N, C-alpha and C. Protein backbone atom coordinates (compact mmCIF):
# COMPACT_ATOMS: atom_id res chain seq x y z
N UNK A 1 53.83 88.79 71.38
CA UNK A 1 54.89 89.01 70.40
C UNK A 1 56.08 88.12 70.70
N UNK A 2 56.61 87.51 69.68
CA UNK A 2 57.80 86.67 69.81
C UNK A 2 59.03 87.46 69.37
N UNK A 3 60.15 87.18 70.02
CA UNK A 3 61.39 87.91 69.77
C UNK A 3 62.54 86.93 69.60
N UNK A 4 63.34 87.14 68.58
CA UNK A 4 64.56 86.35 68.40
C UNK A 4 65.71 87.31 68.15
N UNK A 5 66.88 86.96 68.66
CA UNK A 5 68.08 87.78 68.48
C UNK A 5 69.14 86.96 67.76
N UNK A 6 69.67 87.50 66.69
CA UNK A 6 70.80 86.91 65.98
C UNK A 6 71.93 87.93 66.01
N UNK A 7 73.12 87.50 66.41
CA UNK A 7 74.25 88.41 66.53
C UNK A 7 75.16 88.27 65.31
N UNK A 8 75.43 89.40 64.65
CA UNK A 8 76.12 89.38 63.36
C UNK A 8 77.31 90.34 63.33
N UNK A 9 78.13 90.14 62.34
CA UNK A 9 79.25 90.97 61.87
C UNK A 9 80.36 91.13 62.91
N UNK A 10 81.51 91.66 62.50
CA UNK A 10 82.66 91.75 63.42
C UNK A 10 82.41 92.62 64.64
N UNK A 11 81.38 93.47 64.59
CA UNK A 11 81.10 94.35 65.73
C UNK A 11 80.16 93.67 66.72
N UNK A 12 79.72 92.45 66.42
CA UNK A 12 78.83 91.68 67.29
C UNK A 12 77.55 92.47 67.60
N UNK A 13 76.86 92.79 66.53
CA UNK A 13 75.63 93.58 66.61
C UNK A 13 74.42 92.67 66.72
N UNK A 14 73.47 93.06 67.55
CA UNK A 14 72.25 92.27 67.75
C UNK A 14 71.18 92.66 66.74
N UNK A 15 70.77 91.69 65.93
CA UNK A 15 69.66 91.85 64.99
C UNK A 15 68.44 91.17 65.59
N UNK A 16 67.32 91.87 65.65
CA UNK A 16 66.11 91.31 66.27
C UNK A 16 65.04 91.05 65.22
N UNK A 17 64.38 89.91 65.37
CA UNK A 17 63.21 89.58 64.57
C UNK A 17 62.00 89.55 65.50
N UNK A 18 60.96 90.27 65.14
CA UNK A 18 59.74 90.34 65.94
C UNK A 18 58.58 89.83 65.09
N UNK A 19 57.74 88.98 65.68
CA UNK A 19 56.58 88.50 64.96
C UNK A 19 55.49 88.09 65.93
N UNK A 20 54.28 87.94 65.40
CA UNK A 20 53.16 87.50 66.22
C UNK A 20 52.45 86.33 65.54
N UNK A 21 51.24 86.04 65.96
CA UNK A 21 50.54 84.86 65.44
C UNK A 21 50.20 84.96 63.96
N UNK A 22 50.28 86.15 63.39
CA UNK A 22 50.02 86.30 61.95
C UNK A 22 51.24 85.90 61.12
N UNK A 23 52.39 85.73 61.77
CA UNK A 23 53.68 85.42 61.14
C UNK A 23 54.30 86.61 60.42
N UNK A 24 53.60 87.76 60.41
CA UNK A 24 54.25 88.95 59.86
C UNK A 24 55.42 89.33 60.77
N UNK A 25 56.52 89.75 60.15
CA UNK A 25 57.77 89.92 60.88
C UNK A 25 58.42 91.26 60.55
N UNK A 26 58.94 91.91 61.58
CA UNK A 26 59.76 93.11 61.42
C UNK A 26 61.18 92.76 61.85
N UNK A 27 62.16 93.18 61.06
CA UNK A 27 63.56 92.97 61.40
C UNK A 27 64.14 94.31 61.85
N UNK A 28 64.64 94.34 63.07
CA UNK A 28 65.22 95.55 63.63
C UNK A 28 66.75 95.47 63.55
N UNK A 29 67.35 96.48 62.92
CA UNK A 29 68.81 96.61 62.85
C UNK A 29 69.47 95.39 62.22
N UNK A 30 69.17 95.15 60.96
CA UNK A 30 69.74 93.99 60.25
C UNK A 30 71.24 94.19 60.03
N UNK A 31 72.05 93.43 60.77
CA UNK A 31 73.49 93.59 60.70
C UNK A 31 74.22 92.49 59.96
N UNK A 32 73.49 91.56 59.36
CA UNK A 32 74.13 90.46 58.63
C UNK A 32 75.03 91.01 57.54
N UNK A 33 76.27 90.49 57.48
CA UNK A 33 77.29 91.16 56.65
C UNK A 33 78.05 90.23 55.72
N UNK A 34 77.60 89.00 55.55
CA UNK A 34 78.29 88.05 54.69
C UNK A 34 77.28 87.06 54.14
N UNK A 35 77.63 86.35 53.06
CA UNK A 35 76.71 85.32 52.56
C UNK A 35 76.32 84.30 53.63
N UNK A 36 77.26 83.96 54.48
CA UNK A 36 76.98 83.00 55.55
C UNK A 36 75.94 83.56 56.53
N UNK A 37 76.10 84.83 56.89
CA UNK A 37 75.14 85.44 57.81
C UNK A 37 73.80 85.69 57.13
N UNK A 38 73.83 86.06 55.85
CA UNK A 38 72.57 86.20 55.10
C UNK A 38 71.80 84.89 55.13
N UNK A 39 72.52 83.79 54.90
CA UNK A 39 71.88 82.47 54.87
C UNK A 39 71.32 82.10 56.24
N UNK A 40 72.03 82.46 57.31
CA UNK A 40 71.55 82.17 58.66
C UNK A 40 70.24 82.91 58.93
N UNK A 41 70.17 84.16 58.51
CA UNK A 41 68.95 84.94 58.70
C UNK A 41 67.81 84.37 57.86
N UNK A 42 68.09 84.07 56.60
CA UNK A 42 67.06 83.52 55.72
C UNK A 42 66.57 82.16 56.22
N UNK A 43 67.48 81.36 56.75
CA UNK A 43 67.10 80.04 57.26
C UNK A 43 66.18 80.18 58.47
N UNK A 44 66.49 81.12 59.35
CA UNK A 44 65.62 81.34 60.51
C UNK A 44 64.22 81.76 60.06
N UNK A 45 64.16 82.68 59.12
CA UNK A 45 62.87 83.15 58.61
C UNK A 45 62.08 82.00 58.00
N UNK A 46 62.75 81.17 57.21
CA UNK A 46 62.07 80.05 56.55
C UNK A 46 61.61 79.00 57.55
N UNK A 47 62.48 78.65 58.52
CA UNK A 47 62.14 77.61 59.49
C UNK A 47 60.95 77.98 60.35
N UNK A 48 60.78 79.26 60.60
CA UNK A 48 59.68 79.72 61.45
C UNK A 48 58.48 80.19 60.63
N UNK A 49 58.57 80.07 59.32
CA UNK A 49 57.44 80.44 58.47
C UNK A 49 57.08 81.91 58.55
N UNK A 50 58.10 82.76 58.67
CA UNK A 50 57.84 84.19 58.85
C UNK A 50 57.67 84.91 57.52
N UNK A 51 56.94 86.02 57.58
CA UNK A 51 56.72 86.86 56.40
C UNK A 51 57.25 88.27 56.71
N UNK A 52 58.51 88.54 56.36
CA UNK A 52 59.06 89.87 56.63
C UNK A 52 58.25 90.96 55.92
N UNK A 53 57.96 92.03 56.65
CA UNK A 53 57.20 93.14 56.07
C UNK A 53 57.94 94.47 56.18
N UNK A 54 58.99 94.53 57.01
CA UNK A 54 59.69 95.80 57.21
C UNK A 54 61.06 95.57 57.82
N UNK A 55 62.04 96.34 57.35
CA UNK A 55 63.34 96.46 58.02
C UNK A 55 63.35 97.83 58.68
N UNK A 56 63.43 97.86 60.00
CA UNK A 56 63.38 99.12 60.75
C UNK A 56 64.65 99.29 61.56
N UNK A 57 65.20 100.49 61.56
CA UNK A 57 66.46 100.71 62.25
C UNK A 57 66.35 101.74 63.36
N UNK A 58 67.04 101.43 64.47
CA UNK A 58 67.12 102.39 65.56
C UNK A 58 68.00 103.57 65.18
N UNK A 59 69.01 103.31 64.35
CA UNK A 59 69.91 104.38 63.92
C UNK A 59 70.68 103.94 62.68
N UNK A 60 71.54 104.82 62.16
CA UNK A 60 72.13 104.58 60.86
C UNK A 60 73.55 104.08 60.82
N UNK A 61 74.15 103.70 61.94
CA UNK A 61 75.53 103.22 61.90
C UNK A 61 75.66 101.95 61.07
N UNK A 62 76.83 101.80 60.43
CA UNK A 62 77.01 100.74 59.44
C UNK A 62 76.78 99.35 60.00
N UNK A 63 77.18 99.10 61.25
CA UNK A 63 77.05 97.75 61.80
C UNK A 63 75.59 97.35 62.00
N UNK A 64 74.69 98.33 61.98
CA UNK A 64 73.26 98.06 62.13
C UNK A 64 72.52 98.05 60.80
N UNK A 65 73.20 98.42 59.72
CA UNK A 65 72.54 98.52 58.41
C UNK A 65 73.12 97.58 57.37
N UNK A 66 74.14 96.82 57.71
CA UNK A 66 74.84 95.99 56.73
C UNK A 66 73.93 94.99 56.02
N UNK A 67 72.89 94.52 56.69
CA UNK A 67 72.04 93.49 56.10
C UNK A 67 70.75 93.99 55.49
N UNK A 68 70.53 95.30 55.54
CA UNK A 68 69.23 95.82 55.09
C UNK A 68 69.04 95.63 53.59
N UNK A 69 70.07 95.87 52.80
CA UNK A 69 69.92 95.73 51.35
C UNK A 69 69.58 94.30 50.97
N UNK A 70 70.17 93.33 51.68
CA UNK A 70 69.82 91.92 51.43
C UNK A 70 68.33 91.69 51.68
N UNK A 71 67.81 92.22 52.77
CA UNK A 71 66.38 92.04 53.07
C UNK A 71 65.50 92.71 52.02
N UNK A 72 65.89 93.90 51.59
CA UNK A 72 65.09 94.60 50.59
C UNK A 72 65.05 93.82 49.28
N UNK A 73 66.20 93.29 48.88
CA UNK A 73 66.27 92.58 47.62
C UNK A 73 65.56 91.23 47.68
N UNK A 74 65.75 90.51 48.77
CA UNK A 74 65.20 89.15 48.86
C UNK A 74 63.70 89.15 49.14
N UNK A 75 63.24 90.05 50.00
CA UNK A 75 61.85 90.00 50.43
C UNK A 75 61.01 91.17 49.92
N UNK A 76 61.65 92.12 49.24
CA UNK A 76 60.91 93.24 48.68
C UNK A 76 60.25 94.12 49.72
N UNK A 77 60.92 94.31 50.86
CA UNK A 77 60.32 95.07 51.95
C UNK A 77 60.94 96.47 52.05
N UNK A 78 60.22 97.42 52.62
CA UNK A 78 60.76 98.78 52.77
C UNK A 78 61.71 98.89 53.96
N UNK A 79 62.49 99.96 53.94
CA UNK A 79 63.47 100.25 54.99
C UNK A 79 63.06 101.54 55.68
N UNK A 80 62.95 101.48 57.01
CA UNK A 80 62.54 102.64 57.81
C UNK A 80 63.70 103.14 58.65
N UNK A 81 64.00 104.42 58.54
CA UNK A 81 65.11 105.05 59.25
C UNK A 81 64.80 106.53 59.42
N UNK A 82 65.28 107.13 60.50
CA UNK A 82 65.15 108.57 60.65
C UNK A 82 65.98 109.29 59.60
N UNK A 83 65.40 110.30 58.98
CA UNK A 83 66.13 111.09 57.99
C UNK A 83 67.32 111.81 58.62
N UNK A 84 67.28 112.03 59.92
CA UNK A 84 68.41 112.69 60.59
C UNK A 84 69.65 111.81 60.63
N UNK A 85 69.48 110.52 60.39
CA UNK A 85 70.62 109.59 60.40
C UNK A 85 71.03 109.14 59.00
N UNK A 86 70.40 109.70 57.98
CA UNK A 86 70.72 109.26 56.62
C UNK A 86 72.18 109.50 56.28
N UNK A 87 72.78 110.57 56.80
CA UNK A 87 74.17 110.87 56.49
C UNK A 87 75.11 109.76 56.96
N UNK A 88 74.72 109.04 58.00
CA UNK A 88 75.55 107.94 58.50
C UNK A 88 75.54 106.77 57.53
N UNK A 89 74.40 106.49 56.94
CA UNK A 89 74.32 105.42 55.94
C UNK A 89 75.13 105.80 54.71
N UNK A 90 75.03 107.05 54.30
CA UNK A 90 75.76 107.52 53.12
C UNK A 90 77.27 107.49 53.34
N UNK A 91 77.72 107.60 54.59
CA UNK A 91 79.15 107.59 54.90
C UNK A 91 79.61 106.25 55.45
N UNK A 92 78.83 105.20 55.22
CA UNK A 92 79.13 103.89 55.81
C UNK A 92 80.48 103.34 55.39
N UNK A 93 80.86 103.54 54.14
CA UNK A 93 82.13 102.98 53.66
C UNK A 93 83.30 103.55 54.45
N UNK A 94 83.26 104.84 54.71
CA UNK A 94 84.33 105.48 55.49
C UNK A 94 84.34 104.96 56.92
N UNK A 95 83.16 104.88 57.53
CA UNK A 95 83.08 104.40 58.91
C UNK A 95 83.52 102.95 59.02
N UNK A 96 83.10 102.13 58.07
CA UNK A 96 83.46 100.72 58.11
C UNK A 96 84.94 100.49 57.97
N UNK A 97 85.61 101.31 57.16
CA UNK A 97 87.05 101.12 56.95
C UNK A 97 87.84 101.31 58.23
N UNK A 98 87.34 102.16 59.12
CA UNK A 98 88.01 102.38 60.41
C UNK A 98 88.05 101.09 61.22
N UNK A 99 87.02 100.25 61.06
CA UNK A 99 86.92 98.99 61.79
C UNK A 99 87.33 97.80 60.94
N UNK A 100 87.87 98.06 59.74
CA UNK A 100 88.31 96.98 58.87
C UNK A 100 87.18 96.19 58.27
N UNK A 101 86.01 96.80 58.09
CA UNK A 101 84.84 96.12 57.54
C UNK A 101 84.56 96.65 56.14
N UNK A 102 84.50 95.74 55.17
CA UNK A 102 84.16 96.14 53.81
C UNK A 102 82.65 96.37 53.71
N UNK A 103 82.29 97.48 53.11
CA UNK A 103 80.88 97.86 53.01
C UNK A 103 80.41 97.69 51.58
N UNK A 104 79.33 96.94 51.41
CA UNK A 104 78.73 96.77 50.09
C UNK A 104 77.68 97.84 49.83
N UNK A 105 76.69 97.49 49.03
CA UNK A 105 75.64 98.45 48.70
C UNK A 105 74.84 98.81 49.94
N UNK A 106 74.65 100.10 50.13
CA UNK A 106 73.85 100.59 51.25
C UNK A 106 72.42 100.86 50.78
N UNK A 107 71.44 100.63 51.63
CA UNK A 107 70.04 100.73 51.21
C UNK A 107 69.54 102.17 51.10
N UNK A 108 68.61 102.38 50.22
CA UNK A 108 67.86 103.64 50.20
C UNK A 108 66.80 103.58 51.29
N UNK A 109 66.39 104.74 51.77
CA UNK A 109 65.36 104.81 52.81
C UNK A 109 63.98 104.95 52.17
N UNK A 110 63.04 104.15 52.62
CA UNK A 110 61.68 104.19 52.09
C UNK A 110 60.70 104.88 53.03
N UNK A 111 60.96 104.79 54.33
CA UNK A 111 60.06 105.37 55.33
C UNK A 111 60.90 106.21 56.29
N UNK A 112 60.54 107.47 56.45
CA UNK A 112 61.24 108.36 57.37
C UNK A 112 60.59 108.26 58.74
N UNK A 113 61.33 107.72 59.70
CA UNK A 113 60.78 107.55 61.04
C UNK A 113 60.52 108.88 61.74
N UNK A 114 61.09 109.97 61.23
CA UNK A 114 60.77 111.28 61.79
C UNK A 114 59.30 111.63 61.57
N UNK A 115 58.69 111.01 60.58
CA UNK A 115 57.30 111.30 60.24
C UNK A 115 56.32 110.28 60.81
N UNK A 116 56.83 109.32 61.59
CA UNK A 116 55.99 108.23 62.09
C UNK A 116 55.96 108.23 63.62
N UNK A 117 54.85 107.78 64.18
CA UNK A 117 54.71 107.64 65.63
C UNK A 117 54.69 106.17 66.06
N UNK A 118 54.40 105.29 65.12
CA UNK A 118 54.34 103.87 65.45
C UNK A 118 54.54 103.02 64.20
N UNK A 119 54.83 101.75 64.44
CA UNK A 119 54.94 100.75 63.39
C UNK A 119 53.91 99.67 63.69
N UNK A 120 53.13 99.32 62.70
CA UNK A 120 52.13 98.25 62.86
C UNK A 120 52.49 97.09 61.95
N UNK A 121 52.43 95.89 62.50
CA UNK A 121 52.58 94.68 61.69
C UNK A 121 51.76 93.58 62.35
N UNK A 122 51.07 92.78 61.52
CA UNK A 122 50.20 91.77 62.08
C UNK A 122 49.23 92.41 63.06
N UNK A 123 49.22 91.88 64.29
CA UNK A 123 48.37 92.42 65.35
C UNK A 123 49.18 93.23 66.37
N UNK A 124 50.38 93.61 65.98
CA UNK A 124 51.32 94.23 66.91
C UNK A 124 51.55 95.70 66.56
N UNK A 125 51.73 96.49 67.61
CA UNK A 125 52.01 97.92 67.44
C UNK A 125 53.29 98.26 68.21
N UNK A 126 54.26 98.83 67.51
CA UNK A 126 55.49 99.31 68.13
C UNK A 126 55.46 100.83 68.20
N UNK A 127 55.65 101.37 69.38
CA UNK A 127 55.77 102.81 69.53
C UNK A 127 57.19 103.24 69.15
N UNK A 128 57.30 104.37 68.48
CA UNK A 128 58.59 104.92 68.10
C UNK A 128 58.94 106.02 69.10
N UNK A 129 60.02 105.84 69.83
CA UNK A 129 60.45 106.81 70.84
C UNK A 129 61.70 107.53 70.36
N UNK A 130 61.72 108.85 70.45
CA UNK A 130 62.89 109.63 70.02
C UNK A 130 63.96 109.58 71.11
N UNK A 131 65.12 109.04 70.78
CA UNK A 131 66.19 108.90 71.77
C UNK A 131 67.52 109.37 71.19
N UNK A 132 67.64 110.63 70.80
CA UNK A 132 68.91 111.12 70.24
C UNK A 132 70.01 111.12 71.28
N UNK A 133 71.24 111.14 70.79
CA UNK A 133 72.40 111.18 71.67
C UNK A 133 73.54 110.37 71.09
N UNK A 134 73.31 109.08 70.87
CA UNK A 134 74.31 108.26 70.18
C UNK A 134 74.42 108.74 68.74
N UNK A 135 73.28 109.03 68.14
CA UNK A 135 73.20 109.68 66.83
C UNK A 135 72.05 110.69 66.89
N UNK A 136 72.00 111.64 65.95
CA UNK A 136 70.94 112.66 66.00
C UNK A 136 69.54 112.11 65.82
N UNK A 137 69.39 111.06 64.99
CA UNK A 137 68.07 110.54 64.69
C UNK A 137 67.74 109.23 65.37
N UNK A 138 68.48 108.89 66.39
CA UNK A 138 68.29 107.60 67.06
C UNK A 138 66.87 107.48 67.62
N UNK A 139 66.29 106.29 67.45
CA UNK A 139 64.98 106.00 68.04
C UNK A 139 65.05 104.67 68.79
N UNK A 140 64.08 104.45 69.63
CA UNK A 140 63.87 103.14 70.26
C UNK A 140 62.48 102.67 69.87
N UNK A 141 62.28 101.36 69.89
CA UNK A 141 60.98 100.78 69.58
C UNK A 141 60.43 100.10 70.83
N UNK A 142 59.19 100.43 71.19
CA UNK A 142 58.60 99.91 72.42
C UNK A 142 57.28 99.20 72.13
N UNK A 143 57.18 97.96 72.64
CA UNK A 143 55.95 97.18 72.52
C UNK A 143 55.32 97.11 73.91
N UNK A 144 54.25 97.88 74.16
CA UNK A 144 53.75 98.04 75.53
C UNK A 144 53.14 96.79 76.15
N UNK A 145 52.52 95.92 75.37
CA UNK A 145 51.88 94.74 75.96
C UNK A 145 52.89 93.81 76.62
N UNK A 146 54.00 93.57 75.93
CA UNK A 146 55.04 92.70 76.49
C UNK A 146 56.09 93.49 77.26
N UNK A 147 55.96 94.82 77.26
CA UNK A 147 56.93 95.71 77.91
C UNK A 147 58.35 95.43 77.40
N UNK A 148 58.46 95.38 76.07
CA UNK A 148 59.74 95.11 75.42
C UNK A 148 60.24 96.37 74.74
N UNK A 149 61.49 96.73 75.03
CA UNK A 149 62.08 97.96 74.51
C UNK A 149 63.37 97.65 73.76
N UNK A 150 63.44 98.09 72.52
CA UNK A 150 64.61 97.87 71.68
C UNK A 150 65.36 99.20 71.58
N UNK A 151 66.49 99.26 72.29
CA UNK A 151 67.16 100.54 72.53
C UNK A 151 68.30 100.84 71.57
N UNK A 152 68.61 99.94 70.64
CA UNK A 152 69.73 100.21 69.76
C UNK A 152 70.99 100.45 70.56
N UNK A 153 71.69 101.55 70.26
CA UNK A 153 72.94 101.85 70.97
C UNK A 153 72.78 103.00 71.96
N UNK A 154 71.57 103.20 72.45
CA UNK A 154 71.38 104.21 73.50
C UNK A 154 71.69 103.63 74.87
N UNK A 155 71.10 102.50 75.19
CA UNK A 155 71.26 101.90 76.52
C UNK A 155 71.67 100.44 76.40
N UNK A 156 72.75 100.09 77.08
CA UNK A 156 73.22 98.70 77.17
C UNK A 156 73.11 98.23 78.62
N UNK A 157 73.38 96.96 78.83
CA UNK A 157 73.45 96.46 80.19
C UNK A 157 74.64 97.11 80.90
N UNK A 158 74.35 97.93 81.88
CA UNK A 158 75.34 98.61 82.72
C UNK A 158 76.27 99.52 81.92
N UNK A 159 75.78 100.05 80.81
CA UNK A 159 76.56 101.00 80.03
C UNK A 159 75.62 101.79 79.13
N UNK A 160 76.19 102.71 78.36
CA UNK A 160 75.43 103.50 77.40
C UNK A 160 76.21 103.55 76.09
N UNK A 161 75.57 104.08 75.05
CA UNK A 161 76.23 104.17 73.76
C UNK A 161 77.28 105.26 73.72
N UNK A 162 78.19 105.13 72.77
CA UNK A 162 79.23 106.14 72.58
C UNK A 162 78.61 107.45 72.11
N UNK A 163 79.24 108.54 72.51
CA UNK A 163 78.79 109.85 72.05
C UNK A 163 79.94 110.65 71.43
N UNK A 164 81.06 109.96 71.15
CA UNK A 164 82.22 110.64 70.56
C UNK A 164 82.30 110.44 69.05
N UNK A 165 81.26 109.87 68.45
CA UNK A 165 81.19 109.68 67.01
C UNK A 165 80.40 110.83 66.39
N UNK A 166 80.50 111.03 65.06
CA UNK A 166 79.79 112.15 64.42
C UNK A 166 78.31 112.18 64.77
N UNK A 167 77.86 113.33 65.25
CA UNK A 167 76.46 113.49 65.62
C UNK A 167 76.13 113.09 67.04
N UNK A 168 77.10 112.59 67.77
CA UNK A 168 76.86 112.16 69.14
C UNK A 168 76.84 113.31 70.12
N UNK A 169 76.11 113.15 71.21
CA UNK A 169 76.02 114.20 72.22
C UNK A 169 75.69 113.55 73.57
N UNK A 170 76.59 113.69 74.53
CA UNK A 170 76.41 113.04 75.83
C UNK A 170 75.18 113.56 76.57
N UNK A 171 74.97 114.86 76.56
CA UNK A 171 73.82 115.40 77.29
C UNK A 171 72.51 114.90 76.69
N UNK A 172 72.47 114.76 75.37
CA UNK A 172 71.26 114.24 74.72
C UNK A 172 71.00 112.79 75.11
N UNK A 173 72.05 111.97 75.08
CA UNK A 173 71.81 110.55 75.36
C UNK A 173 71.34 110.35 76.80
N UNK A 174 71.89 111.12 77.73
CA UNK A 174 71.46 110.98 79.11
C UNK A 174 70.02 111.47 79.30
N UNK A 175 69.65 112.54 78.61
CA UNK A 175 68.26 113.00 78.70
C UNK A 175 67.32 112.00 78.05
N UNK A 176 67.76 111.37 76.95
CA UNK A 176 66.94 110.34 76.32
C UNK A 176 66.70 109.18 77.28
N UNK A 177 67.74 108.78 77.99
CA UNK A 177 67.62 107.67 78.93
C UNK A 177 66.74 108.05 80.11
N UNK A 178 66.99 109.21 80.70
CA UNK A 178 66.29 109.58 81.93
C UNK A 178 64.87 110.09 81.68
N UNK A 179 64.65 110.76 80.55
CA UNK A 179 63.35 111.37 80.30
C UNK A 179 62.43 110.51 79.43
N UNK A 180 63.00 109.62 78.63
CA UNK A 180 62.19 108.81 77.71
C UNK A 180 62.15 107.35 78.13
N UNK A 181 63.30 106.78 78.45
CA UNK A 181 63.38 105.35 78.72
C UNK A 181 63.00 105.00 80.16
N UNK A 182 63.63 105.64 81.12
CA UNK A 182 63.39 105.30 82.53
C UNK A 182 61.91 105.40 82.93
N UNK A 183 61.16 106.43 82.48
CA UNK A 183 59.75 106.51 82.88
C UNK A 183 58.87 105.36 82.39
N UNK A 184 59.35 104.53 81.48
CA UNK A 184 58.55 103.40 81.02
C UNK A 184 58.32 102.38 82.13
N UNK A 185 59.21 102.35 83.13
CA UNK A 185 59.00 101.45 84.26
C UNK A 185 60.11 100.44 84.45
N UNK A 186 60.36 100.11 85.71
CA UNK A 186 61.48 99.24 86.05
C UNK A 186 61.36 97.84 85.48
N UNK A 187 60.12 97.38 85.24
CA UNK A 187 59.93 96.01 84.78
C UNK A 187 60.15 95.85 83.27
N UNK A 188 60.32 96.95 82.56
CA UNK A 188 60.50 96.88 81.10
C UNK A 188 61.80 96.16 80.77
N UNK A 189 61.70 95.21 79.84
CA UNK A 189 62.88 94.46 79.40
C UNK A 189 63.53 95.18 78.23
N UNK A 190 64.84 95.36 78.33
CA UNK A 190 65.61 96.12 77.35
C UNK A 190 66.39 95.16 76.46
N UNK A 191 66.22 95.34 75.15
CA UNK A 191 66.94 94.56 74.15
C UNK A 191 67.88 95.52 73.42
N UNK A 192 69.17 95.51 73.78
CA UNK A 192 70.10 96.51 73.24
C UNK A 192 70.73 96.08 71.91
N UNK A 193 71.42 97.02 71.29
CA UNK A 193 72.07 96.75 70.01
C UNK A 193 73.32 95.91 70.12
N UNK A 194 73.87 95.80 71.31
CA UNK A 194 75.05 94.96 71.56
C UNK A 194 74.93 94.40 72.97
N UNK A 195 75.40 93.18 73.16
CA UNK A 195 75.44 92.62 74.50
C UNK A 195 74.12 92.03 74.96
N UNK A 196 74.07 91.63 76.24
CA UNK A 196 72.90 90.90 76.76
C UNK A 196 71.72 91.80 77.09
N UNK A 197 70.57 91.16 77.25
CA UNK A 197 69.35 91.86 77.67
C UNK A 197 69.51 92.39 79.09
N UNK A 198 68.64 93.31 79.44
CA UNK A 198 68.62 93.83 80.79
C UNK A 198 67.21 94.35 81.09
N UNK A 199 67.04 95.02 82.20
CA UNK A 199 65.77 95.68 82.51
C UNK A 199 66.07 97.10 82.95
N UNK A 200 65.07 97.96 82.88
CA UNK A 200 65.27 99.32 83.35
C UNK A 200 65.56 99.32 84.85
N UNK A 201 64.89 98.44 85.59
CA UNK A 201 65.15 98.35 87.02
C UNK A 201 66.60 98.02 87.33
N UNK A 202 67.16 97.08 86.59
CA UNK A 202 68.57 96.72 86.80
C UNK A 202 69.47 97.91 86.52
N UNK A 203 69.18 98.64 85.45
CA UNK A 203 70.04 99.77 85.08
C UNK A 203 69.96 100.90 86.10
N UNK A 204 68.81 101.09 86.70
CA UNK A 204 68.70 102.12 87.73
C UNK A 204 69.59 101.83 88.93
N UNK A 205 69.86 100.56 89.16
CA UNK A 205 70.70 100.16 90.29
C UNK A 205 72.17 100.04 89.93
N UNK A 206 72.47 99.57 88.72
CA UNK A 206 73.84 99.14 88.42
C UNK A 206 74.49 99.84 87.23
N UNK A 207 73.78 100.70 86.53
CA UNK A 207 74.40 101.40 85.41
C UNK A 207 75.11 102.64 85.95
N UNK A 208 76.44 102.70 85.90
CA UNK A 208 77.16 103.80 86.55
C UNK A 208 76.83 105.17 85.97
N UNK A 209 76.51 105.23 84.68
CA UNK A 209 76.18 106.51 84.06
C UNK A 209 74.86 107.05 84.60
N UNK A 210 73.88 106.17 84.72
CA UNK A 210 72.57 106.58 85.23
C UNK A 210 72.66 106.92 86.71
N UNK A 211 73.33 106.07 87.48
CA UNK A 211 73.45 106.29 88.92
C UNK A 211 74.14 107.62 89.21
N UNK A 212 75.19 107.93 88.45
CA UNK A 212 75.92 109.17 88.67
C UNK A 212 75.03 110.39 88.44
N UNK A 213 74.31 110.40 87.33
CA UNK A 213 73.47 111.56 87.02
C UNK A 213 72.33 111.69 88.03
N UNK A 214 71.71 110.58 88.40
CA UNK A 214 70.63 110.64 89.38
C UNK A 214 71.13 111.14 90.73
N UNK A 215 72.31 110.70 91.13
CA UNK A 215 72.89 111.18 92.39
C UNK A 215 73.19 112.68 92.32
N UNK A 216 73.69 113.13 91.17
CA UNK A 216 73.97 114.56 91.00
C UNK A 216 72.68 115.38 91.12
N UNK A 217 71.60 114.87 90.53
CA UNK A 217 70.34 115.60 90.59
C UNK A 217 69.79 115.64 92.02
N UNK A 218 69.95 114.55 92.76
CA UNK A 218 69.52 114.52 94.16
C UNK A 218 70.33 115.52 94.98
N UNK A 219 71.65 115.52 94.78
CA UNK A 219 72.51 116.44 95.52
C UNK A 219 72.17 117.90 95.20
N UNK A 220 71.85 118.16 93.93
CA UNK A 220 71.51 119.53 93.53
C UNK A 220 70.23 119.99 94.22
N UNK A 221 69.23 119.10 94.28
CA UNK A 221 67.97 119.46 94.92
C UNK A 221 68.13 119.66 96.43
N UNK A 222 69.12 118.98 97.01
CA UNK A 222 69.32 119.06 98.46
C UNK A 222 70.18 120.25 98.87
N UNK A 223 70.70 120.98 97.89
CA UNK A 223 71.55 122.12 98.24
C UNK A 223 70.73 123.27 98.84
């Protein structure tokens, strides 16, 4: 599987394009937010001869959904999102105004990720992992052959996603990280919704949120 990252919009959100030898392509968290960014995404797709088949989102925050309607209109592809996060898309205009971002048409949801266990495109299979905490319906996408994990805003390099926004919950996000993400293995490469790539192994050593909770659990067991 091939992976490309394009960073878009004022929030500097990472949009990922995934494809294999069939050229079928899935776009994860399309954040393109202007004609210039739309053109950059379209140019990349054209230059690589890709055939978009799905826009899939880790969660419903506006900075991750700004470009979905463009993809739906231009390529006629469906949009996949957890129904638990639909309220965030519906309230995008309000959320965007807080950050000074004008919000255009928001996409309708075609596929409810709450009802799916995996995404298939070309010869590739993405596992859908439930990772609530940053939002109620947050998911991660995992490709086991390449050990590639797309964590959205759950796990960043040496940080985690915010939990002070509507629907956020700190205990949930930490359980998602420790119970769902960490067991995948230290060698798994993490592609987050913002910032640089990392690995689970790196985060076990240097992510202060993870280190703190793991130390607390060790101390509790030793009491």
